[in-house]
Amino acid sequence: MGHMPEDLLIPAEQIAKVILFLRGHKVLLDEDLAKLYGVSTKRLNEQVRRNRKRFPPDFMFELTDEESLALRSQIATLKRGRGRHRKYLPFAFTEQGVAMLSRSGHALQRSPKRPSYSS
């Protein structure tokens, strides 16, 4: 088995910072997974929507308005300026959903990369 290039290794601490607990599951939001894959959130969600059958509710779910609002107030995801906010509710991916996304990640046309999360 070959070694993974150093620049593809992501410290567990970085990932742990973005794991949320929602609806009884540890999840990663679409925005954080898009950063991991080096693609836009829009691109990631387009691919997920095209392959919706691969993501049953225990793999992925869309946040409710209330959940999204609560998260926004906690992590201040909205930025000022036209077109800088989300049109759609975020998707949350469970561990199984993240695994499925990584298996179908060829559709994203990028390998996972070290995300840049600002603290």
Protein backbone atom coordinates (compact mmCIF):
# COMPACT_ATOMS: atom_id res chain seq x y z
CA MET A 1 0.00 0.00 0.00
CA GLY A 2 1.45 3.38 -1.01
CA HIS A 3 1.84 6.41 1.15
CA MET A 4 -0.47 9.37 0.87
CA PRO A 5 1.29 12.60 -0.15
CA GLU A 6 1.90 14.92 2.81
CA ASP A 7 -0.18 17.75 1.31
CA LEU A 8 -3.27 15.47 1.25
CA LEU A 9 -3.09 14.68 4.95
CA ILE A 10 -5.44 16.79 7.00
CA PRO A 11 -4.83 17.06 10.73
CA ALA A 12 -7.68 15.50 12.68
CA GLU A 13 -7.86 18.64 14.83
CA GLN A 14 -8.84 20.71 11.78
CA ILE A 15 -11.64 18.34 10.88
CA ALA A 16 -12.78 18.03 14.51
CA LYS A 17 -13.29 21.81 14.63
CA VAL A 18 -16.00 21.65 11.96
CA ILE A 19 -17.85 18.52 13.08
CA LEU A 20 -21.30 19.40 14.38
CA PHE A 21 -23.83 17.35 16.31
CA LEU A 22 -27.26 17.62 14.65
CA ARG A 23 -30.29 15.35 14.92
CA GLY A 24 -28.31 12.81 16.90
CA HIS A 25 -25.51 12.55 14.30
CA LYS A 26 -21.99 13.90 13.98
CA VAL A 27 -22.04 15.76 10.67
CA LEU A 28 -20.00 17.93 8.35
CA LEU A 29 -21.70 20.73 6.46
CA ASP A 30 -21.53 20.97 2.69
CA GLU A 31 -19.48 24.16 2.92
CA ASP A 32 -16.77 22.44 4.97
CA LEU A 33 -16.69 19.40 2.68
CA ALA A 34 -16.42 21.67 -0.36
CA LYS A 35 -13.38 23.33 1.24
CA LEU A 36 -11.90 19.88 1.83
CA TYR A 37 -12.36 18.96 -1.83
CA GLY A 38 -11.23 22.35 -3.10
CA VAL A 39 -14.48 23.06 -4.92
CA SER A 40 -17.27 25.55 -4.43
CA THR A 41 -20.20 24.61 -2.22
CA LYS A 42 -22.43 25.13 -5.25
CA ARG A 43 -20.43 22.57 -7.26
CA LEU A 44 -20.50 20.00 -4.46
CA ASN A 45 -24.26 20.38 -4.04
CA GLU A 46 -24.85 20.11 -7.80
CA GLN A 47 -23.08 16.74 -7.80
CA VAL A 48 -24.99 15.57 -4.74
CA ARG A 49 -28.32 16.56 -6.30
CA ARG A 50 -27.43 14.68 -9.49
CA ASN A 51 -26.66 11.58 -7.42
CA ARG A 52 -29.42 11.99 -4.83
CA LYS A 53 -30.22 8.24 -4.77
CA ARG A 54 -26.78 7.60 -3.25
CA PHE A 55 -27.56 9.84 -0.27
CA PRO A 56 -30.50 8.54 1.78
CA PRO A 57 -31.60 10.50 4.88
CA ASP A 58 -29.17 8.64 7.16
CA PHE A 59 -26.29 9.75 4.89
CA MET A 60 -27.30 13.37 4.33
CA PHE A 61 -30.08 15.78 5.19
CA GLU A 62 -30.95 19.37 4.49
CA LEU A 63 -31.03 21.65 7.51
CA THR A 64 -34.31 23.24 8.49
CA ASP A 65 -34.73 27.01 8.54
CA GLU A 66 -34.44 26.92 12.35
CA GLU A 67 -31.26 24.81 12.32
CA SER A 68 -29.69 27.03 9.69
CA LEU A 69 -30.58 30.20 11.60
CA ALA A 70 -29.16 28.79 14.84
CA LEU A 71 -25.91 27.84 13.11
CA ARG A 72 -25.65 31.20 11.38
CA SER A 73 -25.92 33.00 14.68
CA GLN A 74 -23.26 30.70 16.19
CA ILE A 75 -20.72 30.76 13.39
CA ALA A 76 -21.61 33.96 11.50
CA THR A 77 -21.67 32.41 8.02
CA LEU A 78 -23.26 35.38 6.30
CA LYS A 79 -20.96 37.94 4.82
CA ARG A 80 -21.88 41.46 3.85
CA GLY A 81 -22.41 42.33 0.22
CA ARG A 82 -24.64 41.29 -2.61
CA GLY A 83 -24.51 37.60 -3.51
CA ARG A 84 -22.40 36.64 -0.52
CA HIS A 85 -25.08 34.73 1.37
CA ARG A 86 -26.54 31.29 0.75
CA LYS A 87 -29.66 30.91 -1.35
CA TYR A 88 -30.35 27.38 -0.16
CA LEU A 89 -30.34 25.60 3.17
CA PRO A 90 -27.09 23.75 3.90
CA PHE A 91 -26.74 19.99 3.63
CA ALA A 92 -25.31 18.04 6.56
CA PHE A 93 -23.42 14.82 5.81
CA THR A 94 -23.16 11.98 8.30
CA GLU A 95 -20.11 9.73 8.42
CA GLN A 96 -21.74 7.43 5.86
CA GLY A 97 -22.52 10.40 3.63
CA VAL A 98 -18.94 11.63 3.79
CA ALA A 99 -17.75 8.13 2.85
CA MET A 100 -20.19 8.00 -0.08
CA LEU A 101 -19.09 11.44 -1.22
CA SER A 102 -15.46 10.36 -1.15
CA ARG A 103 -16.33 7.27 -3.22
CA SER A 104 -18.18 9.37 -5.77
CA GLY A 105 -15.73 12.25 -5.40
CA HIS A 106 -14.37 11.65 -8.91
CA ALA A 107 -17.34 13.70 -10.02
CA LEU A 108 -15.87 16.62 -8.13
CA GLN A 109 -12.69 16.24 -10.23
CA ARG A 110 -10.38 17.11 -7.36
CA SER A 111 -8.65 15.17 -4.65
CA PRO A 112 -9.21 16.08 -1.02
CA LYS A 113 -6.83 18.84 -0.03
CA ARG A 114 -5.83 20.60 3.11
CA PRO A 115 -8.61 23.14 3.78
CA SER A 116 -7.85 26.62 5.01
CA TYR A 117 -10.08 27.28 7.99
CA SER A 118 -9.66 30.66 9.54
CA SER A 119 -9.94 30.76 13.30
